[in-house]
Structure formats: structure tokens, C-alpha cells
């Protein structure tokens, strides 16, 4: 079996959604039906993943040794030839966010410096460790990748936030918060059925008459048959039957607030503030500035992803070289705030040349700063013709 066959042998192997026992008409999902694909169908999850992956993928990389900046090597420029560095970083961050672990397969062998030619991100569902000692705190020596046994030397393992007593395959938001995600998916499915049915999707048929069970089953089947054809096909009731709708109204204020809380709860799992998810809850930041909010996002959320990628790439570089991701673009204030900070720090004294100031704003240097503000041309008074 070739490498491509191994990687494509299993796609999203999580179980299919299952209906809750006892409530078949509600369309609810038990926690076992939550997968990475189904979770991304939730707008809150999609937005959280997009914020995290985009926030890290836009950061520039640099290669350093101690305090000296070096020209970036091949692995720093592009960890995988088939993907851009932005795409590779986005995929790694998304995998870490959902599964808390990301496996990178070393491909192409090693170059003359012992650096892998490429690092391919793998779907965590096709990777499982070969456990020889369940009580050992040491990482496994071998892994199964789609059933193929491989040495741990061929795999780079990234952890976002490892927890004690939680194995790699059991960690991550998908596993730990599957009940919360199942509740949000059930709410989405119920709201969809509500609008498609033109009202509450759950109905009970009532009558004061003494009805034999087999007759009740016939009426129920007739109701379901007509309703399955769509809201334009109204069932005809007889025998004193009355249809009574029950269940939550997704347009009610209480239901709307409950769904907002679900969005906020998902945001807490991913560490994304509700102000970014457009679902304000009890954690409002009335007096917090955008700059301080961005610093908190980098410090308390994105840093786990950034440091995991930095460690993984730096471990593959020889000669004490390290990769660093520059986060200044995420925490920088407005141009006015930066200018005021520099003005305060220098006591209103110029400490940069015009060319250095232009370089900060990525402007090309000029031969003479005076050309920006040329002196006004005035003619002598005597040279002006008098009428």
C-alpha cells in the first residue's frame, strides 16, 4: 500500500448521527454523532475555527539563532510543497482546535542537514498509537496510520494543551465537549424543521373518544404520510381528532437567548470572545479597548497554537536554529495610537529620520525629504505687471 493509499484510506471515520432513544421525532443527536465535519456545520464552530486559523496563518515566520536573524530555510519558507505556508498553517491550527493534537508525517526523506523534505498534516482519525505500556508517561514508539505500522521517528506530534490522564485520541473539543455540540446541533435541526414545517414539528393527535390502538396507529400513519409531503398538504382529521402542537418555539425570546448562550458556550471552549462571535453574553467588555482585547486573544488563546507550531518546526532545524512567529501585527494599535505612544516615549522629540519613519509605513525612501513639502514659489513684487 502506497503513501497516498494510506492517507486516503479513511476519511472522517466518526460514527454517523444517531437519533436519541425515546424521542425519534425530535431529530436530536446523541453525543456519539458529533464529528469534525458535523461540528463545522454549526456557525459558531465555523467562526471560531476561522478566527483561530486566520489569526495564526497571517503571521510572518522568521528563522533565528540566538538573537541573530537568518535567511529562512526551505522548511520555514514552505513546510509542504503541495500547500502554501498559509494553507498549511490554517490546516494545522484547525486540526489542533478540534482534536487538540496534530500529526505531521515526514515525507521525502531527509536533506544533507537532516531536515525533513516535507511535513504533511494527517487526519487524526487515521492515526492511533501502538500502546505497549498503558501506565507509561512516555510517548509511544510506534503509530498505526490507516492500519500501517510506522515508527514514531517518522511522525511529528503537536499538542495544543495536553491534559493529564487524557490520551491523544480522547482529547480535544470534539471529544470533551461533544454533549454541548450535540445540543447545538439539535437546536439547529429543530429550527430547520420548524421553518420547513411552517410551525412546531412535533404534534400530538387528541380525541375524547375511546379509540382502539390499531385505529390510532392508522390515524397516526395517515398524519405522517400527509405531513411528509410538505406544509401545503394538510391532513384531514376525522373521528373527533384534534392536532395539538407542542415543543419549543425557536422565535420566542427565551429560545433566542438560549441559542445565544449556546454560541457563547462554544466560544468559551475555543477561547474566542463572544464579542467577535456577535453573541454578547455575561462577559461583556465595556471598558476594554480593541487593542487590549487583541492582546488577550493572542496571550490566552492563540499562543498555544503559535508555540506548538514554533516548537515543531524548530525541533527539525539543525545547528541551534529556531523559527519564530511575529505577533506584532495582531496586537498593534491604530496609527494614531502608535504615533502618540512614540511621541510620549521621546518627550516630543524626533528620534527617527524621515526615511526611518517612511519605512515603518512600508513607504519607499526619498532622496530628499524636502521634496514632500517643497517651498512655495513666490515672484518678486516688482515682477508682477501692474494693470
Protein backbone atom coordinates (compact mmCIF):
# COMPACT_ATOMS: atom_id res chain seq x y z
CA UNK A 1 0.00 0.00 0.00
CA UNK A 2 1.48 3.34 -1.07
CA UNK A 3 1.63 6.53 0.98
CA UNK A 4 -1.28 8.12 -0.87
CA UNK A 5 -3.40 5.00 -0.35
CA UNK A 6 -2.63 5.11 3.36
CA UNK A 7 -3.66 8.75 3.69
CA UNK A 8 -6.84 8.34 1.63
CA UNK A 9 -7.91 5.03 3.11
CA UNK A 10 -10.10 6.58 5.76
CA UNK A 11 -11.99 9.87 5.66
CA UNK A 12 -13.91 11.22 8.67
CA UNK A 13 -14.35 7.79 10.23
CA UNK A 14 -16.52 9.12 13.04
CA UNK A 15 -19.92 7.47 13.57
CA UNK A 16 -22.97 8.66 11.71
CA UNK A 17 -25.50 10.82 13.58
CA UNK A 18 -27.93 8.76 15.70
CA UNK A 19 -31.33 9.73 16.98
CA UNK A 20 -31.97 9.94 20.68
CA UNK A 21 -33.66 6.90 22.17
CA UNK A 22 -37.25 7.68 23.12
CA UNK A 23 -37.50 10.84 21.02
CA UNK A 24 -37.33 9.66 17.38
CA UNK A 25 -39.43 12.54 16.08
CA UNK A 26 -37.25 15.25 17.59
CA UNK A 27 -34.30 14.59 15.31
CA UNK A 28 -31.90 15.04 18.21
CA UNK A 29 -28.34 13.77 18.12
CA UNK A 30 -26.62 11.81 20.79
CA UNK A 31 -23.05 12.77 21.56
CA UNK A 32 -21.63 9.86 19.56
CA UNK A 33 -22.84 11.52 16.36
CA UNK A 34 -20.57 14.56 16.73
CA UNK A 35 -17.67 14.56 14.26
CA UNK A 36 -15.34 17.21 12.94
CA UNK A 37 -17.45 17.54 9.81
CA UNK A 38 -20.78 17.76 11.63
CA UNK A 39 -19.41 20.24 14.18
CA UNK A 40 -18.27 22.57 11.40
CA UNK A 41 -21.90 22.78 10.31
CA UNK A 42 -22.51 24.97 13.36
CA UNK A 43 -21.96 28.64 12.58
CA UNK A 44 -20.31 29.26 15.97
CA UNK A 45 -17.80 26.43 15.46
CA UNK A 46 -17.08 27.52 11.90
CA UNK A 47 -16.47 31.10 13.02
CA UNK A 48 -14.24 30.04 15.93
CA UNK A 49 -12.11 27.84 13.66
CA UNK A 50 -11.91 30.61 11.07
CA UNK A 51 -10.80 33.17 13.67
CA UNK A 52 -8.12 30.88 15.12
CA UNK A 53 -6.75 29.63 11.80
CA UNK A 54 -6.78 33.05 10.14
CA UNK A 55 -5.22 34.71 13.18
CA UNK A 56 -2.22 32.36 13.18
CA UNK A 57 -1.89 31.82 9.42
CA UNK A 58 -1.36 35.53 8.73
CA UNK A 59 1.69 35.79 11.00
CA UNK A 60 5.12 36.10 9.34
CA UNK A 61 7.78 33.49 10.11
CA UNK A 62 11.43 34.21 10.76
CA UNK A 63 14.42 31.96 11.39
CA UNK A 64 16.88 32.93 14.12
CA UNK A 65 19.88 31.65 16.00
CA UNK A 66 20.08 33.27 19.43
CA UNK A 67 19.46 36.97 18.61
CA UNK A 68 20.71 36.82 15.02
CA UNK A 69 18.13 36.70 12.22
CA UNK A 70 18.99 34.21 9.48
CA UNK A 71 17.75 33.75 5.93
CA UNK A 72 14.72 31.42 6.10
CA UNK A 73 15.45 27.82 5.14
CA UNK A 74 13.28 25.63 2.96
CA UNK A 75 11.20 24.20 5.81
CA UNK A 76 10.48 27.67 7.19
CA UNK A 77 9.53 29.01 3.78
CA UNK A 78 7.18 26.11 2.93
CA UNK A 79 6.71 23.08 5.20
CA UNK A 80 4.75 21.23 2.49
CA UNK A 81 5.40 21.71 -1.19
CA UNK A 82 1.79 20.92 -2.13
CA UNK A 83 0.38 23.70 0.05
CA UNK A 84 1.26 27.30 0.67
CA UNK A 85 2.52 28.12 4.14
CA UNK A 86 -0.74 29.92 4.90
CA UNK A 87 -2.80 26.87 3.89
CA UNK A 88 -0.52 24.54 5.86
CA UNK A 89 -0.73 26.69 8.98
CA UNK A 90 -4.50 27.05 8.69
CA UNK A 91 -4.94 23.28 8.42
CA UNK A 92 -2.66 22.60 11.40
CA UNK A 93 -4.41 25.17 13.59
CA UNK A 94 -7.87 23.86 12.65
CA UNK A 95 -6.78 20.31 13.50
CA UNK A 96 -5.37 21.41 16.85
CA UNK A 97 -8.53 23.36 17.65
CA UNK A 98 -10.83 20.40 17.03
CA UNK A 99 -8.70 17.48 18.17
CA UNK A 100 -6.05 19.09 20.41
CA UNK A 101 -3.41 17.06 18.57
CA UNK A 102 -1.96 17.22 15.06
CA UNK A 103 0.22 14.58 13.43
CA UNK A 104 2.76 15.61 10.79
CA UNK A 105 4.20 12.89 8.59
CA UNK A 106 7.80 13.32 7.46
CA UNK A 107 7.91 12.74 3.70
CA UNK A 108 10.61 12.89 1.04
CA UNK A 109 13.37 11.70 3.33
CA UNK A 110 15.99 13.99 4.87
CA UNK A 111 18.26 16.53 3.20
CA UNK A 112 22.00 16.88 3.77
CA UNK A 113 21.38 18.70 7.08
CA UNK A 114 18.98 16.06 8.38
CA UNK A 115 15.88 18.21 7.84
CA UNK A 116 12.70 16.54 6.51
CA UNK A 117 11.85 17.49 2.95
CA UNK A 118 8.20 17.96 3.89
CA UNK A 119 5.74 17.73 6.80
CA UNK A 120 2.28 16.52 5.81
CA UNK A 121 -0.63 17.10 8.23
CA UNK A 122 -2.65 13.91 8.81
CA UNK A 123 -6.27 13.39 9.71
CA UNK A 124 -6.16 12.42 13.41
CA UNK A 125 -8.88 9.81 12.85
CA UNK A 126 -6.49 7.65 10.81
CA UNK A 127 -3.69 7.76 13.41
CA UNK A 128 -3.61 5.68 16.58
CA UNK A 129 -0.65 4.97 18.89
CA UNK A 130 0.67 1.47 19.41
CA UNK A 131 0.28 1.14 23.17
CA UNK A 132 2.65 -1.28 24.84
CA UNK A 133 2.51 0.14 28.37
CA UNK A 134 -0.74 1.76 29.39
CA UNK A 135 0.81 3.13 32.60
CA UNK A 136 3.78 4.80 30.93
CA UNK A 137 4.01 8.58 30.69
CA UNK A 138 6.40 8.29 27.74
CA UNK A 139 5.13 8.88 24.20
CA UNK A 140 4.56 5.78 22.05
CA UNK A 141 7.35 4.38 19.89
CA UNK A 142 5.07 3.43 17.00
CA UNK A 143 1.80 4.51 15.42
CA UNK A 144 -0.81 2.94 13.18
CA UNK A 145 -1.64 5.12 10.16
CA UNK A 146 -4.67 3.66 8.40
CA UNK A 147 -3.60 0.24 9.66
CA UNK A 148 0.04 0.61 8.60
CA UNK A 149 2.54 0.45 11.44
CA UNK A 150 5.12 3.25 11.43
CA UNK A 151 7.91 4.34 13.73
CA UNK A 152 7.41 7.47 15.82
CA UNK A 153 10.58 8.84 14.21
CA UNK A 154 8.56 9.40 11.02
CA UNK A 155 5.90 11.50 12.78
CA UNK A 156 5.96 14.92 14.44
CA UNK A 157 3.24 15.26 17.08
CA UNK A 158 1.87 18.69 18.00
CA UNK A 159 -0.18 19.21 21.16
CA UNK A 160 -2.15 22.37 21.80
CA UNK A 161 -2.77 21.87 25.51
CA UNK A 162 -2.11 18.33 26.79
CA UNK A 163 -4.07 17.34 29.87
CA UNK A 164 -3.10 14.73 32.46
CA UNK A 165 -4.80 11.37 32.10
CA UNK A 166 -6.28 12.23 28.68
CA UNK A 167 -4.96 10.23 25.74
CA UNK A 168 -4.36 11.89 22.38
CA UNK A 169 -7.33 10.19 20.76
CA UNK A 170 -9.69 11.17 23.57
CA UNK A 171 -8.72 14.82 23.94
CA UNK A 172 -9.83 17.85 22.01
CA UNK A 173 -13.04 19.81 21.92
CA UNK A 174 -14.75 17.28 19.64
CA UNK A 175 -14.47 14.62 22.32
CA UNK A 176 -14.61 16.59 25.55
CA UNK A 177 -17.48 18.90 24.56
CA UNK A 178 -19.46 16.53 22.35
CA UNK A 179 -22.57 16.87 24.53
CA UNK A 180 -22.56 20.66 24.10
CA UNK A 181 -22.06 20.33 20.35
CA UNK A 182 -24.84 17.73 20.13
CA UNK A 183 -27.20 20.13 21.92
CA UNK A 184 -26.32 22.93 19.48
CA UNK A 185 -26.81 20.61 16.50
CA UNK A 186 -30.18 19.50 17.87
CA UNK A 187 -31.22 23.16 18.22
CA UNK A 188 -30.17 23.87 14.63
CA UNK A 189 -32.04 20.80 13.35
CA UNK A 190 -35.17 21.68 15.32
CA UNK A 191 -35.16 25.24 14.00
CA UNK A 192 -34.75 23.95 10.46
CA UNK A 193 -37.70 21.57 10.84
CA UNK A 194 -39.76 24.37 12.40
CA UNK A 195 -39.38 26.63 9.37
CA UNK A 196 -39.78 23.82 6.85
CA UNK A 197 -42.96 22.59 8.53
CA UNK A 198 -44.37 26.09 8.94
CA UNK A 199 -44.70 25.62 12.69
CA UNK A 200 -43.78 23.31 15.53
CA UNK A 201 -42.57 19.99 14.05
CA UNK A 202 -43.90 17.94 16.98
CA UNK A 203 -47.64 17.23 17.11
CA UNK A 204 -49.97 15.01 19.13
CA UNK A 205 -53.41 13.87 17.94
CA UNK A 206 -56.03 14.04 20.70
CA UNK A 207 -59.63 12.84 20.98
CA UNK A 208 -62.12 12.34 23.79
CA UNK A 209 -63.47 9.21 22.16
CA UNK A 210 -62.45 5.70 23.13
CA UNK A 211 -60.22 4.73 20.21
CA UNK A 212 -58.79 1.23 19.69
CA UNK A 213 -54.98 1.15 19.40
CA UNK A 214 -54.98 -0.11 15.83
CA UNK A 215 -57.24 2.76 14.74
CA UNK A 216 -54.93 5.24 16.44
CA UNK A 217 -51.98 3.80 14.56
CA UNK A 218 -53.86 4.21 11.27
CA UNK A 219 -54.62 7.88 12.00
CA UNK A 220 -51.01 8.45 13.01
CA UNK A 221 -49.74 6.88 9.79
CA UNK A 222 -52.12 8.98 7.72
CA UNK A 223 -50.95 12.13 9.52
CA UNK A 224 -47.29 11.31 8.98
CA UNK A 225 -47.86 10.47 5.32
CA UNK A 226 -49.56 13.78 4.57
CA UNK A 227 -47.13 15.86 6.62
CA UNK A 228 -44.15 14.24 4.92
CA UNK A 229 -45.41 15.65 1.60
CA UNK A 230 -44.87 19.20 2.84
CA UNK A 231 -46.75 22.02 4.57
CA UNK A 232 -49.01 22.52 1.51
CA UNK A 233 -50.66 19.12 2.07
CA UNK A 234 -52.95 19.49 5.05
CA UNK A 235 -54.09 16.29 6.78
CA UNK A 236 -57.84 15.79 7.13
CA UNK A 237 -58.89 14.77 10.65
CA UNK A 238 -61.97 12.76 11.46
CA UNK A 239 -63.44 10.92 14.39
CA UNK A 240 -63.16 13.95 16.67
CA UNK A 241 -59.37 14.13 16.38
CA UNK A 242 -57.61 17.38 17.14
CA UNK A 243 -53.98 18.21 16.35
CA UNK A 244 -52.12 19.86 19.19
CA UNK A 245 -48.65 21.22 18.63
CA UNK A 246 -46.09 21.17 21.39
CA UNK A 247 -42.42 21.89 21.74
CA UNK A 248 -40.24 24.98 21.87
CA UNK A 249 -40.81 27.99 19.66
CA UNK A 250 -37.39 28.97 18.24
CA UNK A 251 -38.64 32.52 17.65
CA UNK A 252 -39.52 33.10 21.31
CA UNK A 253 -37.27 35.38 23.31
CA UNK A 254 -36.29 32.61 25.73
CA UNK A 255 -35.26 30.32 22.86
CA UNK A 256 -33.26 33.10 21.21
CA UNK A 257 -31.42 33.78 24.46
CA UNK A 258 -30.77 30.07 24.92
CA UNK A 259 -29.19 29.81 21.48
CA UNK A 260 -27.04 32.87 22.22
CA UNK A 261 -25.82 31.12 25.35
CA UNK A 262 -25.02 28.02 23.29
CA UNK A 263 -22.93 30.15 20.94
CA UNK A 264 -21.16 31.75 23.90
CA UNK A 265 -20.53 28.33 25.42
CA UNK A 266 -18.92 27.09 22.20
CA UNK A 267 -16.81 30.25 22.09
CA UNK A 268 -15.56 29.54 25.63
CA UNK A 269 -14.43 26.07 24.62
CA UNK A 270 -12.34 27.56 21.81
CA UNK A 271 -11.23 30.59 23.83
CA UNK A 272 -12.83 33.08 21.43
CA UNK A 273 -14.55 36.13 22.98
CA UNK A 274 -18.27 36.46 22.35
CA UNK A 275 -17.83 39.99 21.05
CA UNK A 276 -16.09 38.53 17.99
CA UNK A 277 -18.78 35.85 17.58
CA UNK A 278 -21.52 38.51 17.68
CA UNK A 279 -23.15 36.72 20.61
CA UNK A 280 -22.74 39.01 23.63
CA UNK A 281 -23.27 37.24 26.93
CA UNK A 282 -22.31 37.95 30.51
CA UNK A 283 -18.65 38.53 29.63
CA UNK A 284 -19.11 41.96 28.06
CA UNK A 285 -16.06 44.19 27.85
CA UNK A 286 -17.50 47.68 28.12
CA UNK A 287 -14.28 49.41 29.08
CA UNK A 288 -11.85 47.18 27.16
CA UNK A 289 -10.23 48.61 24.06
CA UNK A 290 -9.84 46.69 20.82
CA UNK A 291 -6.08 46.69 21.32
CA UNK A 292 -6.26 45.13 24.78
CA UNK A 293 -8.82 42.62 23.54
CA UNK A 294 -6.48 41.55 20.75
CA UNK A 295 -3.63 41.19 23.23
CA UNK A 296 -5.78 38.94 25.42
CA UNK A 297 -6.72 36.82 22.40
CA UNK A 298 -3.06 36.35 21.49
CA UNK A 299 -1.88 35.82 25.06
CA UNK A 300 -4.57 33.42 26.27
CA UNK A 301 -5.75 31.66 23.09
CA UNK A 302 -3.51 31.95 20.03
CA UNK A 303 -0.26 31.48 21.95
CA UNK A 304 -0.97 27.75 22.42
CA UNK A 305 -1.23 27.27 18.64
CA UNK A 306 1.70 29.57 17.86
CA UNK A 307 4.08 27.92 20.30
CA UNK A 308 3.07 24.42 19.20
CA UNK A 309 3.97 25.21 15.58
CA UNK A 310 7.15 27.03 16.61
CA UNK A 311 8.31 24.04 18.65
CA UNK A 312 7.50 21.55 15.88
CA UNK A 313 9.42 23.45 13.19
CA UNK A 314 12.31 24.45 15.47
CA UNK A 315 12.86 20.82 16.51
CA UNK A 316 13.54 19.93 12.87
CA UNK A 317 16.07 22.72 12.26
CA UNK A 318 19.76 21.95 12.81
CA UNK A 319 22.54 23.99 14.41
CA UNK A 320 20.51 25.68 17.13
CA UNK A 321 18.27 27.45 14.63
CA UNK A 322 14.72 28.29 15.65
CA UNK A 323 11.56 29.51 13.99
CA UNK A 324 9.66 32.41 15.47
CA UNK A 325 6.25 33.84 14.53
CA UNK A 326 5.91 37.61 14.82
CA UNK A 327 2.65 38.61 16.56
CA UNK A 328 3.05 42.37 16.39
CA UNK A 329 0.55 42.60 13.54
CA UNK A 330 -2.19 41.24 15.81
CA UNK A 331 -1.53 43.50 18.80
CA UNK A 332 -0.57 46.75 17.08
CA UNK A 333 -2.88 49.67 17.76
CA UNK A 334 -4.09 52.25 15.30
CA UNK A 335 -1.63 54.55 13.55
CA UNK A 336 -2.71 57.40 15.80
CA UNK A 337 -2.18 55.30 18.96
CA UNK A 338 1.28 54.23 17.79
CA UNK A 339 2.26 57.78 16.91
CA UNK A 340 1.06 59.08 20.28
CA UNK A 341 3.00 56.33 22.09
CA UNK A 342 6.21 57.25 20.25
CA UNK A 343 5.59 60.92 20.92
CA UNK A 344 5.17 60.23 24.64
CA UNK A 345 8.22 57.97 24.80
CA UNK A 346 10.52 60.56 23.20
CA UNK A 347 9.25 63.63 25.03
CA UNK A 348 8.00 65.20 21.79
CA UNK A 349 11.49 64.97 20.31
CA UNK A 350 12.25 63.47 16.95
CA UNK A 351 14.17 60.21 17.26
CA UNK A 352 13.63 58.81 13.76
CA UNK A 353 14.80 60.14 10.43
CA UNK A 354 12.18 60.74 7.76
CA UNK A 355 13.37 57.66 5.87
CA UNK A 356 13.03 55.51 9.00
CA UNK A 357 9.52 56.83 9.57
CA UNK A 358 8.59 56.02 5.98
CA UNK A 359 9.96 52.52 6.40
CA UNK A 360 7.56 51.90 9.31
CA UNK A 361 4.63 52.52 6.96
CA UNK A 362 6.27 50.49 4.16
CA UNK A 363 6.93 53.54 2.00
CA UNK A 364 9.90 53.83 -0.32
CA UNK A 365 12.72 56.13 0.82
CA UNK A 366 13.08 59.50 -0.85
CA UNK A 367 16.27 61.21 -1.91
CA UNK A 368 15.33 64.39 -0.07
CA UNK A 369 12.54 64.81 2.49
CA UNK A 370 12.16 68.40 1.33
CA UNK A 371 10.51 67.15 -1.85
CA UNK A 372 7.50 66.14 0.24
CA UNK A 373 6.89 69.77 1.18
CA UNK A 374 8.53 71.96 -1.47
CA UNK A 375 8.91 75.62 -0.64
CA UNK A 376 6.22 77.78 -2.23
CA UNK A 377 7.31 79.64 -5.34
CA UNK A 378 6.86 83.39 -5.00
CA UNK A 379 7.55 86.06 -7.54
CA UNK A 380 9.17 89.36 -6.62
CA UNK A 381 6.71 92.18 -6.15
CA UNK A 382 8.38 94.21 -8.80
CA UNK A 383 7.99 91.43 -11.36
CA UNK A 384 4.20 91.50 -11.24
CA UNK A 385 2.67 93.52 -14.03
CA UNK A 386 0.55 96.38 -12.83
CA UNK A 387 -2.78 96.96 -14.56
